[in-house]
PDB file of N, CA and C in Angstrom:
ATOM      1  N   UNK A   1      -1.924 -25.803 -48.464  1.00  0.00           N
ATOM      2  CA  UNK A   1      -3.185 -26.448 -48.133  1.00  0.00           C
ATOM      3  C   UNK A   1      -4.318 -25.455 -48.383  1.00  0.00           C
ATOM      4  N   UNK A   2      -5.331 -25.855 -49.133  1.00  0.00           N
ATOM      5  CA  UNK A   2      -6.415 -24.938 -49.491  1.00  0.00           C
ATOM      6  C   UNK A   2      -7.670 -25.122 -48.642  1.00  0.00           C
ATOM      7  N   UNK A   3      -7.649 -26.015 -47.663  1.00  0.00           N
ATOM      8  CA  UNK A   3      -8.810 -26.209 -46.811  1.00  0.00           C
ATOM      9  C   UNK A   3      -9.856 -27.135 -47.407  1.00  0.00           C
ATOM     10  N   UNK A   4      -9.593 -27.691 -48.586  1.00  0.00           N
ATOM     11  CA  UNK A   4     -10.550 -28.561 -49.266  1.00  0.00           C
ATOM     12  C   UNK A   4     -10.092 -30.019 -49.244  1.00  0.00           C
ATOM     13  N   UNK A   5      -9.092 -30.363 -48.449  1.00  0.00           N
ATOM     14  CA  UNK A   5      -8.490 -31.696 -48.481  1.00  0.00           C
ATOM     15  C   UNK A   5      -9.471 -32.822 -48.168  1.00  0.00           C
ATOM     16  N   UNK A   6     -10.427 -32.576 -47.295  1.00  0.00           N
ATOM     17  CA  UNK A   6     -11.346 -33.631 -46.876  1.00  0.00           C
ATOM     18  C   UNK A   6     -12.629 -33.683 -47.710  1.00  0.00           C
ATOM     19  N   UNK A   7     -12.686 -32.939 -48.796  1.00  0.00           N
ATOM     20  CA  UNK A   7     -13.894 -32.884 -49.619  1.00  0.00           C
ATOM     21  C   UNK A   7     -13.764 -33.786 -50.835  1.00  0.00           C
ATOM     22  N   UNK A   8     -14.908 -34.250 -51.323  1.00  0.00           N
ATOM     23  CA  UNK A   8     -14.911 -35.029 -52.561  1.00  0.00           C
ATOM     24  C   UNK A   8     -14.680 -34.081 -53.732  1.00  0.00           C
ATOM     25  N   UNK A   9     -14.449 -34.647 -54.908  1.00  0.00           N
ATOM     26  CA  UNK A   9     -14.187 -33.833 -56.097  1.00  0.00           C
ATOM     27  C   UNK A   9     -15.357 -32.907 -56.405  1.00  0.00           C
ATOM     28  N   UNK A  10     -16.588 -33.409 -56.277  1.00  0.00           N
ATOM     29  CA  UNK A  10     -17.750 -32.568 -56.575  1.00  0.00           C
ATOM     30  C   UNK A  10     -17.909 -31.463 -55.528  1.00  0.00           C
ATOM     31  N   UNK A  11     -17.584 -31.790 -54.261  1.00  0.00           N
ATOM     32  CA  UNK A  11     -17.657 -30.772 -53.216  1.00  0.00           C
ATOM     33  C   UNK A  11     -16.579 -29.704 -53.420  1.00  0.00           C
ATOM     34  N   UNK A  12     -15.402 -30.140 -53.860  1.00  0.00           N
ATOM     35  CA  UNK A  12     -14.330 -29.179 -54.166  1.00  0.00           C
ATOM     36  C   UNK A  12     -14.748 -28.257 -55.307  1.00  0.00           C
ATOM     37  N   UNK A  13     -15.366 -28.838 -56.325  1.00  0.00           N
ATOM     38  CA  UNK A  13     -15.827 -28.045 -57.467  1.00  0.00           C
ATOM     39  C   UNK A  13     -16.877 -27.033 -57.020  1.00  0.00           C
ATOM     40  N   UNK A  14     -17.801 -27.469 -56.161  1.00  0.00           N
ATOM     41  CA  UNK A  14     -18.834 -26.565 -55.649  1.00  0.00           C
ATOM     42  C   UNK A  14     -18.220 -25.449 -54.814  1.00  0.00           C
ATOM     43  N   UNK A  15     -17.257 -25.805 -53.971  1.00  0.00           N
ATOM     44  CA  UNK A  15     -16.595 -24.808 -53.129  1.00  0.00           C
ATOM     45  C   UNK A  15     -15.824 -23.806 -53.986  1.00  0.00           C
ATOM     46  N   UNK A  16     -15.161 -24.298 -55.030  1.00  0.00           N
ATOM     47  CA  UNK A  16     -14.421 -23.417 -55.934  1.00  0.00           C
ATOM     48  C   UNK A  16     -15.378 -22.477 -56.663  1.00  0.00           C
ATOM     49  N   UNK A  17     -16.494 -23.004 -57.118  1.00  0.00           N
ATOM     50  CA  UNK A  17     -17.501 -22.183 -57.797  1.00  0.00           C
ATOM     51  C   UNK A  17     -18.070 -21.142 -56.846  1.00  0.00           C
ATOM     52  N   UNK A  18     -18.306 -21.526 -55.609  1.00  0.00           N
ATOM     53  CA  UNK A  18     -18.813 -20.585 -54.609  1.00  0.00           C
ATOM     54  C   UNK A  18     -17.803 -19.464 -54.376  1.00  0.00           C
ATOM     55  N   UNK A  19     -16.528 -19.808 -54.287  1.00  0.00           N
ATOM     56  CA  UNK A  19     -15.490 -18.795 -54.122  1.00  0.00           C
ATOM     57  C   UNK A  19     -15.469 -17.843 -55.319  1.00  0.00           C
ATOM     58  N   UNK A  20     -15.631 -18.390 -56.511  1.00  0.00           N
ATOM     59  CA  UNK A  20     -15.647 -17.557 -57.720  1.00  0.00           C
ATOM     60  C   UNK A  20     -16.833 -16.598 -57.694  1.00  0.00           C
ATOM     61  N   UNK A  21     -17.995 -17.132 -57.301  1.00  0.00           N
ATOM     62  CA  UNK A  21     -19.202 -16.297 -57.239  1.00  0.00           C
ATOM     63  C   UNK A  21     -19.047 -15.189 -56.190  1.00  0.00           C
ATOM     64  N   UNK A  22     -18.444 -15.517 -55.061  1.00  0.00           N
ATOM     65  CA  UNK A  22     -18.207 -14.513 -54.027  1.00  0.00           C
ATOM     66  C   UNK A  22     -17.269 -13.429 -54.548  1.00  0.00           C
ATOM     67  N   UNK A  23     -16.215 -13.832 -55.259  1.00  0.00           N
ATOM     68  CA  UNK A  23     -15.271 -12.863 -55.821  1.00  0.00           C
ATOM     69  C   UNK A  23     -15.964 -11.930 -56.812  1.00  0.00           C
ATOM     70  N   UNK A  24     -16.847 -12.491 -57.640  1.00  0.00           N
ATOM     71  CA  UNK A  24     -17.597 -11.676 -58.606  1.00  0.00           C
ATOM     72  C   UNK A  24     -18.485 -10.671 -57.875  1.00  0.00           C
ATOM     73  N   UNK A  25     -19.173 -11.131 -56.846  1.00  0.00           N
ATOM     74  CA  UNK A  25     -20.046 -10.233 -56.073  1.00  0.00           C
ATOM     75  C   UNK A  25     -19.237  -9.147 -55.370  1.00  0.00           C
ATOM     76  N   UNK A  26     -18.041  -9.492 -54.884  1.00  0.00           N
ATOM     77  CA  UNK A  26     -17.180  -8.490 -54.255  1.00  0.00           C
ATOM     78  C   UNK A  26     -16.742  -7.450 -55.282  1.00  0.00           C
ATOM     79  N   UNK A  27     -16.445  -7.887 -56.503  1.00  0.00           N
ATOM     80  CA  UNK A  27     -16.073  -6.948 -57.561  1.00  0.00           C
ATOM     81  C   UNK A  27     -17.237  -6.025 -57.898  1.00  0.00           C
ATOM     82  N   UNK A  28     -18.436  -6.574 -57.951  1.00  0.00           N
ATOM     83  CA  UNK A  28     -19.621  -5.749 -58.215  1.00  0.00           C
ATOM     84  C   UNK A  28     -19.810  -4.715 -57.120  1.00  0.00           C
ATOM     85  N   UNK A  29     -19.662  -5.143 -55.871  1.00  0.00           N
ATOM     86  CA  UNK A  29     -19.814  -4.218 -54.741  1.00  0.00           C
ATOM     87  C   UNK A  29     -18.745  -3.129 -54.782  1.00  0.00           C
ATOM     88  N   UNK A  30     -17.528  -3.507 -55.138  1.00  0.00           N
ATOM     89  CA  UNK A  30     -16.447  -2.531 -55.234  1.00  0.00           C
ATOM     90  C   UNK A  30     -16.743  -1.528 -56.355  1.00  0.00           C
ATOM     91  N   UNK A  31     -17.239  -2.007 -57.483  1.00  0.00           N
ATOM     92  CA  UNK A  31     -17.598  -1.124 -58.593  1.00  0.00           C
ATOM     93  C   UNK A  31     -18.699  -0.160 -58.171  1.00  0.00           C
ATOM     94  N   UNK A  32     -19.719  -0.675 -57.503  1.00  0.00           N
ATOM     95  CA  UNK A  32     -20.823   0.181 -57.050  1.00  0.00           C
ATOM     96  C   UNK A  32     -20.338   1.224 -56.049  1.00  0.00           C
ATOM     97  N   UNK A  33     -19.429   0.838 -55.174  1.00  0.00           N
ATOM     98  CA  UNK A  33     -18.874   1.788 -54.212  1.00  0.00           C
ATOM     99  C   UNK A  33     -18.081   2.874 -54.932  1.00  0.00           C
ATOM    100  N   UNK A  34     -17.354   2.497 -55.970  1.00  0.00           N
ATOM    101  CA  UNK A  34     -16.578   3.477 -56.739  1.00  0.00           C
ATOM    102  C   UNK A  34     -17.513   4.454 -57.451  1.00  0.00           C
ATOM    103  N   UNK A  35     -18.576   3.948 -58.048  1.00  0.00           N
ATOM    104  CA  UNK A  35     -19.554   4.811 -58.712  1.00  0.00           C
ATOM    105  C   UNK A  35     -20.182   5.762 -57.695  1.00  0.00           C
ATOM    106  N   UNK A  36     -20.485   5.245 -56.525  1.00  0.00           N
ATOM    107  CA  UNK A  36     -21.048   6.067 -55.457  1.00  0.00           C
ATOM    108  C   UNK A  36     -20.082   7.190 -55.080  1.00  0.00           C
ATOM    109  N   UNK A  37     -18.819   6.841 -55.000  1.00  0.00           N
ATOM    110  CA  UNK A  37     -17.786   7.826 -54.672  1.00  0.00           C
ATOM    111  C   UNK A  37     -17.696   8.891 -55.761  1.00  0.00           C
ATOM    112  N   UNK A  38     -17.692   8.463 -57.035  1.00  0.00           N
ATOM    113  CA  UNK A  38     -17.695   9.421 -58.148  1.00  0.00           C
ATOM    114  C   UNK A  38     -18.864  10.391 -58.006  1.00  0.00           C
ATOM    115  N   UNK A  39     -20.016   9.817 -57.770  1.00  0.00           N
ATOM    116  CA  UNK A  39     -21.235  10.619 -57.676  1.00  0.00           C
ATOM    117  C   UNK A  39     -21.131  11.649 -56.568  1.00  0.00           C
ATOM    118  N   UNK A  40     -20.715  11.229 -55.393  1.00  0.00           N
ATOM    119  CA  UNK A  40     -20.612  12.150 -54.258  1.00  0.00           C
ATOM    120  C   UNK A  40     -19.630  13.279 -54.525  1.00  0.00           C
ATOM    121  N   UNK A  41     -18.415  12.912 -54.921  1.00  0.00           N
ATOM    122  CA  UNK A  41     -17.364  13.917 -55.126  1.00  0.00           C
ATOM    123  C   UNK A  41     -17.728  14.865 -56.261  1.00  0.00           C
ATOM    124  N   UNK A  42     -18.106  14.307 -57.380  1.00  0.00           N
ATOM    125  CA  UNK A  42     -18.372  15.140 -58.562  1.00  0.00           C
ATOM    126  C   UNK A  42     -19.657  15.953 -58.402  1.00  0.00           C
ATOM    127  N   UNK A  43     -20.657  15.410 -57.740  1.00  0.00           N
ATOM    128  CA  UNK A  43     -21.896  16.162 -57.504  1.00  0.00           C
ATOM    129  C   UNK A  43     -21.585  17.389 -56.655  1.00  0.00           C
ATOM    130  N   UNK A  44     -20.861  17.158 -55.546  1.00  0.00           N
ATOM    131  CA  UNK A  44     -20.528  18.269 -54.654  1.00  0.00           C
ATOM    132  C   UNK A  44     -19.688  19.327 -55.366  1.00  0.00           C
ATOM    133  N   UNK A  45     -18.808  18.896 -56.255  1.00  0.00           N
ATOM    134  CA  UNK A  45     -17.922  19.816 -56.957  1.00  0.00           C
ATOM    135  C   UNK A  45     -18.648  20.589 -58.062  1.00  0.00           C
ATOM    136  N   UNK A  46     -19.564  19.951 -58.749  1.00  0.00           N
ATOM    137  CA  UNK A  46     -20.084  20.521 -59.996  1.00  0.00           C
ATOM    138  C   UNK A  46     -21.514  21.063 -59.935  1.00  0.00           C
ATOM    139  N   UNK A  47     -22.333  20.578 -59.046  1.00  0.00           N
ATOM    140  CA  UNK A  47     -23.745  20.956 -59.064  1.00  0.00           C
ATOM    141  C   UNK A  47     -24.016  21.992 -57.977  1.00  0.00           C
ATOM    142  N   UNK A  48     -24.328  23.210 -58.423  1.00  0.00           N
ATOM    143  CA  UNK A  48     -24.638  24.277 -57.474  1.00  0.00           C
ATOM    144  C   UNK A  48     -26.061  24.113 -56.936  1.00  0.00           C
ATOM    145  N   UNK A  49     -27.004  24.112 -57.850  1.00  0.00           N
ATOM    146  CA  UNK A  49     -28.402  23.919 -57.465  1.00  0.00           C
ATOM    147  C   UNK A  49     -29.031  22.952 -58.454  1.00  0.00           C
ATOM    148  N   UNK A  50     -29.606  21.861 -57.961  1.00  0.00           N
ATOM    149  CA  UNK A  50     -30.218  20.883 -58.864  1.00  0.00           C
ATOM    150  C   UNK A  50     -31.423  21.491 -59.579  1.00  0.00           C
ATOM    151  N   UNK A  51     -31.571  21.154 -60.836  1.00  0.00           N
ATOM    152  CA  UNK A  51     -32.709  21.601 -61.618  1.00  0.00           C
ATOM    153  C   UNK A  51     -33.297  20.433 -62.384  1.00  0.00           C
ATOM    154  N   UNK A  52     -34.223  20.741 -63.262  1.00  0.00           N
ATOM    155  CA  UNK A  52     -34.856  19.678 -64.038  1.00  0.00           C
ATOM    156  C   UNK A  52     -33.931  19.149 -65.138  1.00  0.00           C
ATOM    157  N   UNK A  53     -32.929  19.970 -65.548  1.00  0.00           N
ATOM    158  CA  UNK A  53     -31.961  19.562 -66.567  1.00  0.00           C
ATOM    159  C   UNK A  53     -30.583  20.054 -66.142  1.00  0.00           C
ATOM    160  N   UNK A  54     -29.552  19.371 -66.673  1.00  0.00           N
ATOM    161  CA  UNK A  54     -28.191  19.838 -66.438  1.00  0.00           C
ATOM    162  C   UNK A  54     -27.854  20.893 -67.484  1.00  0.00           C
ATOM    163  N   UNK A  55     -27.276  22.005 -67.044  1.00  0.00           N
ATOM    164  CA  UNK A  55     -26.811  22.967 -68.030  1.00  0.00           C
ATOM    165  C   UNK A  55     -25.465  22.496 -68.575  1.00  0.00           C
ATOM    166  N   UNK A  56     -25.007  23.146 -69.622  1.00  0.00           N
ATOM    167  CA  UNK A  56     -23.788  22.732 -70.305  1.00  0.00           C
ATOM    168  C   UNK A  56     -22.588  22.749 -69.359  1.00  0.00           C
ATOM    169  N   UNK A  57     -22.463  23.784 -68.549  1.00  0.00           N
ATOM    170  CA  UNK A  57     -21.329  23.915 -67.633  1.00  0.00           C
ATOM    171  C   UNK A  57     -21.320  22.771 -66.626  1.00  0.00           C
ATOM    172  N   UNK A  58     -22.462  22.459 -66.059  1.00  0.00           N
ATOM    173  CA  UNK A  58     -22.551  21.389 -65.070  1.00  0.00           C
ATOM    174  C   UNK A  58     -22.243  20.042 -65.709  1.00  0.00           C
ATOM    175  N   UNK A  59     -22.791  19.785 -66.872  1.00  0.00           N
ATOM    176  CA  UNK A  59     -22.534  18.527 -67.563  1.00  0.00           C
ATOM    177  C   UNK A  59     -21.051  18.375 -67.898  1.00  0.00           C
ATOM    178  N   UNK A  60     -20.445  19.428 -68.401  1.00  0.00           N
ATOM    179  CA  UNK A  60     -19.021  19.404 -68.737  1.00  0.00           C
ATOM    180  C   UNK A  60     -18.181  19.156 -67.486  1.00  0.00           C
ATOM    181  N   UNK A  61     -18.537  19.820 -66.399  1.00  0.00           N
ATOM    182  CA  UNK A  61     -17.827  19.634 -65.138  1.00  0.00           C
ATOM    183  C   UNK A  61     -17.930  18.190 -64.655  1.00  0.00           C
ATOM    184  N   UNK A  62     -19.126  17.624 -64.699  1.00  0.00           N
ATOM    185  CA  UNK A  62     -19.327  16.244 -64.249  1.00  0.00           C
ATOM    186  C   UNK A  62     -18.511  15.257 -65.086  1.00  0.00           C
ATOM    187  N   UNK A  63     -18.542  15.446 -66.394  1.00  0.00           N
ATOM    188  CA  UNK A  63     -17.791  14.553 -67.285  1.00  0.00           C
ATOM    189  C   UNK A  63     -16.298  14.655 -66.986  1.00  0.00           C
ATOM    190  N   UNK A  64     -15.788  15.866 -66.870  1.00  0.00           N
ATOM    191  CA  UNK A  64     -14.366  16.069 -66.593  1.00  0.00           C
ATOM    192  C   UNK A  64     -13.983  15.481 -65.235  1.00  0.00           C
ATOM    193  N   UNK A  65     -14.820  15.695 -64.258  1.00  0.00           N
ATOM    194  CA  UNK A  65     -14.562  15.190 -62.914  1.00  0.00           C
ATOM    195  C   UNK A  65     -14.457  13.664 -62.912  1.00  0.00           C
ATOM    196  N   UNK A  66     -15.413  13.010 -63.517  1.00  0.00           N
ATOM    197  CA  UNK A  66     -15.419  11.548 -63.551  1.00  0.00           C
ATOM    198  C   UNK A  66     -14.215  11.042 -64.345  1.00  0.00           C
ATOM    199  N   UNK A  67     -13.905  11.675 -65.465  1.00  0.00           N
ATOM    200  CA  UNK A  67     -12.750  11.250 -66.264  1.00  0.00           C
ATOM    201  C   UNK A  67     -11.461  11.386 -65.463  1.00  0.00           C
ATOM    202  N   UNK A  68     -11.293  12.481 -64.733  1.00  0.00           N
ATOM    203  CA  UNK A  68     -10.101  12.661 -63.893  1.00  0.00           C
ATOM    204  C   UNK A  68     -10.046  11.602 -62.796  1.00  0.00           C
ATOM    205  N   UNK A  69     -11.184  11.326 -62.203  1.00  0.00           N
ATOM    206  CA  UNK A  69     -11.278  10.310 -61.150  1.00  0.00           C
ATOM    207  C   UNK A  69     -10.853   8.949 -61.701  1.00  0.00           C
ATOM    208  N   UNK A  70     -11.367   8.587 -62.870  1.00  0.00           N
ATOM    209  CA  UNK A  70     -11.031   7.305 -63.496  1.00  0.00           C
ATOM    210  C   UNK A  70      -9.552   7.265 -63.856  1.00  0.00           C
ATOM    211  N   UNK A  71      -9.043   8.326 -64.471  1.00  0.00           N
ATOM    212  CA  UNK A  71      -7.627   8.376 -64.844  1.00  0.00           C
ATOM    213  C   UNK A  71      -6.726   8.220 -63.623  1.00  0.00           C
ATOM    214  N   UNK A  72      -7.080   8.893 -62.544  1.00  0.00           N
ATOM    215  CA  UNK A  72      -6.296   8.808 -61.318  1.00  0.00           C
ATOM    216  C   UNK A  72      -6.341   7.397 -60.743  1.00  0.00           C
ATOM    217  N   UNK A  73      -7.516   6.806 -60.713  1.00  0.00           N
ATOM    218  CA  UNK A  73      -7.661   5.447 -60.196  1.00  0.00           C
ATOM    219  C   UNK A  73      -6.843   4.458 -61.022  1.00  0.00           C
ATOM    220  N   UNK A  74      -6.894   4.594 -62.348  1.00  0.00           N
ATOM    221  CA  UNK A  74      -6.117   3.703 -63.218  1.00  0.00           C
ATOM    222  C   UNK A  74      -4.619   3.907 -63.014  1.00  0.00           C
ATOM    223  N   UNK A  75      -4.202   5.140 -62.877  1.00  0.00           N
ATOM    224  CA  UNK A  75      -2.791   5.437 -62.662  1.00  0.00           C
ATOM    225  C   UNK A  75      -2.290   4.820 -61.358  1.00  0.00           C
ATOM    226  N   UNK A  76      -3.062   4.978 -60.296  1.00  0.00           N
ATOM    227  CA  UNK A  76      -2.680   4.400 -59.002  1.00  0.00           C
ATOM    228  C   UNK A  76      -2.656   2.877 -59.079  1.00  0.00           C
ATOM    229  N   UNK A  77      -3.661   2.296 -59.721  1.00  0.00           N
ATOM    230  CA  UNK A  77      -3.722   0.843 -59.862  1.00  0.00           C
ATOM    231  C   UNK A  77      -2.523   0.326 -60.641  1.00  0.00           C
ATOM    232  N   UNK A  78      -2.183   1.006 -61.742  1.00  0.00           N
ATOM    233  CA  UNK A  78      -1.029   0.589 -62.545  1.00  0.00           C
ATOM    234  C   UNK A  78       0.264   0.702 -61.744  1.00  0.00           C
ATOM    235  N   UNK A  79       0.386   1.757 -60.962  1.00  0.00           N
ATOM    236  CA  UNK A  79       1.596   1.937 -60.137  1.00  0.00           C
ATOM    237  C   UNK A  79       1.705   0.820 -59.108  1.00  0.00           C
ATOM    238  N   UNK A  80       0.616   0.484 -58.437  1.00  0.00           N
ATOM    239  CA  UNK A  80       0.650  -0.609 -57.465  1.00  0.00           C
ATOM    240  C   UNK A  80       0.983  -1.935 -58.144  1.00  0.00           C
ATOM    241  N   UNK A  81       0.444  -2.152 -59.333  1.00  0.00           N
ATOM    242  CA  UNK A  81       0.740  -3.375 -60.083  1.00  0.00           C
ATOM    243  C   UNK A  81       2.229  -3.457 -60.381  1.00  0.00           C
ATOM    244  N   UNK A  82       2.823  -2.341 -60.818  1.00  0.00           N
ATOM    245  CA  UNK A  82       4.260  -2.302 -61.083  1.00  0.00           C
ATOM    246  C   UNK A  82       5.066  -2.599 -59.822  1.00  0.00           C
ATOM    247  N   UNK A  83       4.646  -2.033 -58.700  1.00  0.00           N
ATOM    248  CA  UNK A  83       5.352  -2.255 -57.441  1.00  0.00           C
ATOM    249  C   UNK A  83       5.280  -3.718 -57.021  1.00  0.00           C
ATOM    250  N   UNK A  84       4.109  -4.329 -57.183  1.00  0.00           N
ATOM    251  CA  UNK A  84       3.936  -5.737 -56.817  1.00  0.00           C
ATOM    252  C   UNK A  84       4.791  -6.620 -57.731  1.00  0.00           C
ATOM    253  N   UNK A  85       4.790  -6.311 -59.034  1.00  0.00           N
ATOM    254  CA  UNK A  85       5.576  -7.101 -59.975  1.00  0.00           C
ATOM    255  C   UNK A  85       7.064  -6.986 -59.678  1.00  0.00           C
ATOM    256  N   UNK A  86       7.529  -5.805 -59.329  1.00  0.00           N
ATOM    257  CA  UNK A  86       8.947  -5.636 -58.987  1.00  0.00           C
ATOM    258  C   UNK A  86       9.284  -6.388 -57.704  1.00  0.00           C
ATOM    259  N   UNK A  87       8.333  -6.431 -56.779  1.00  0.00           N
ATOM    260  CA  UNK A  87       8.552  -7.116 -55.512  1.00  0.00           C
ATOM    261  C   UNK A  87       8.576  -8.625 -55.629  1.00  0.00           C
ATOM    262  N   UNK A  88       7.943  -9.169 -56.673  1.00  0.00           N
ATOM    263  CA  UNK A  88       7.876 -10.615 -56.841  1.00  0.00           C
ATOM    264  C   UNK A  88       8.957 -11.140 -57.780  1.00  0.00           C
ATOM    265  N   UNK A  89       9.707 -10.259 -58.381  1.00  0.00           N
ATOM    266  CA  UNK A  89      10.753 -10.706 -59.333  1.00  0.00           C
ATOM    267  C   UNK A  89      12.050 -10.982 -58.639  1.00  0.00           C
TER     268      UNK A  89
END
């Protein structure tokens, strides 16, 4: 039962669209939170003193930090996906 049993077809369509829009907004919020996390961790790790420009060392550190963060996140996500797939088979 999806909770839409007493709704008309157009109301069901509207409710489904609303759920889709909410899911999209949740994904956006999750993405923004992840970017915020990257910024906090990598800034603290790589930036000694803020200046008007990033020097080569700081820029390289930031790029490497974010790439490692992304690689780790993808690896964990893939592992969880594998675990879920094995659990449903």
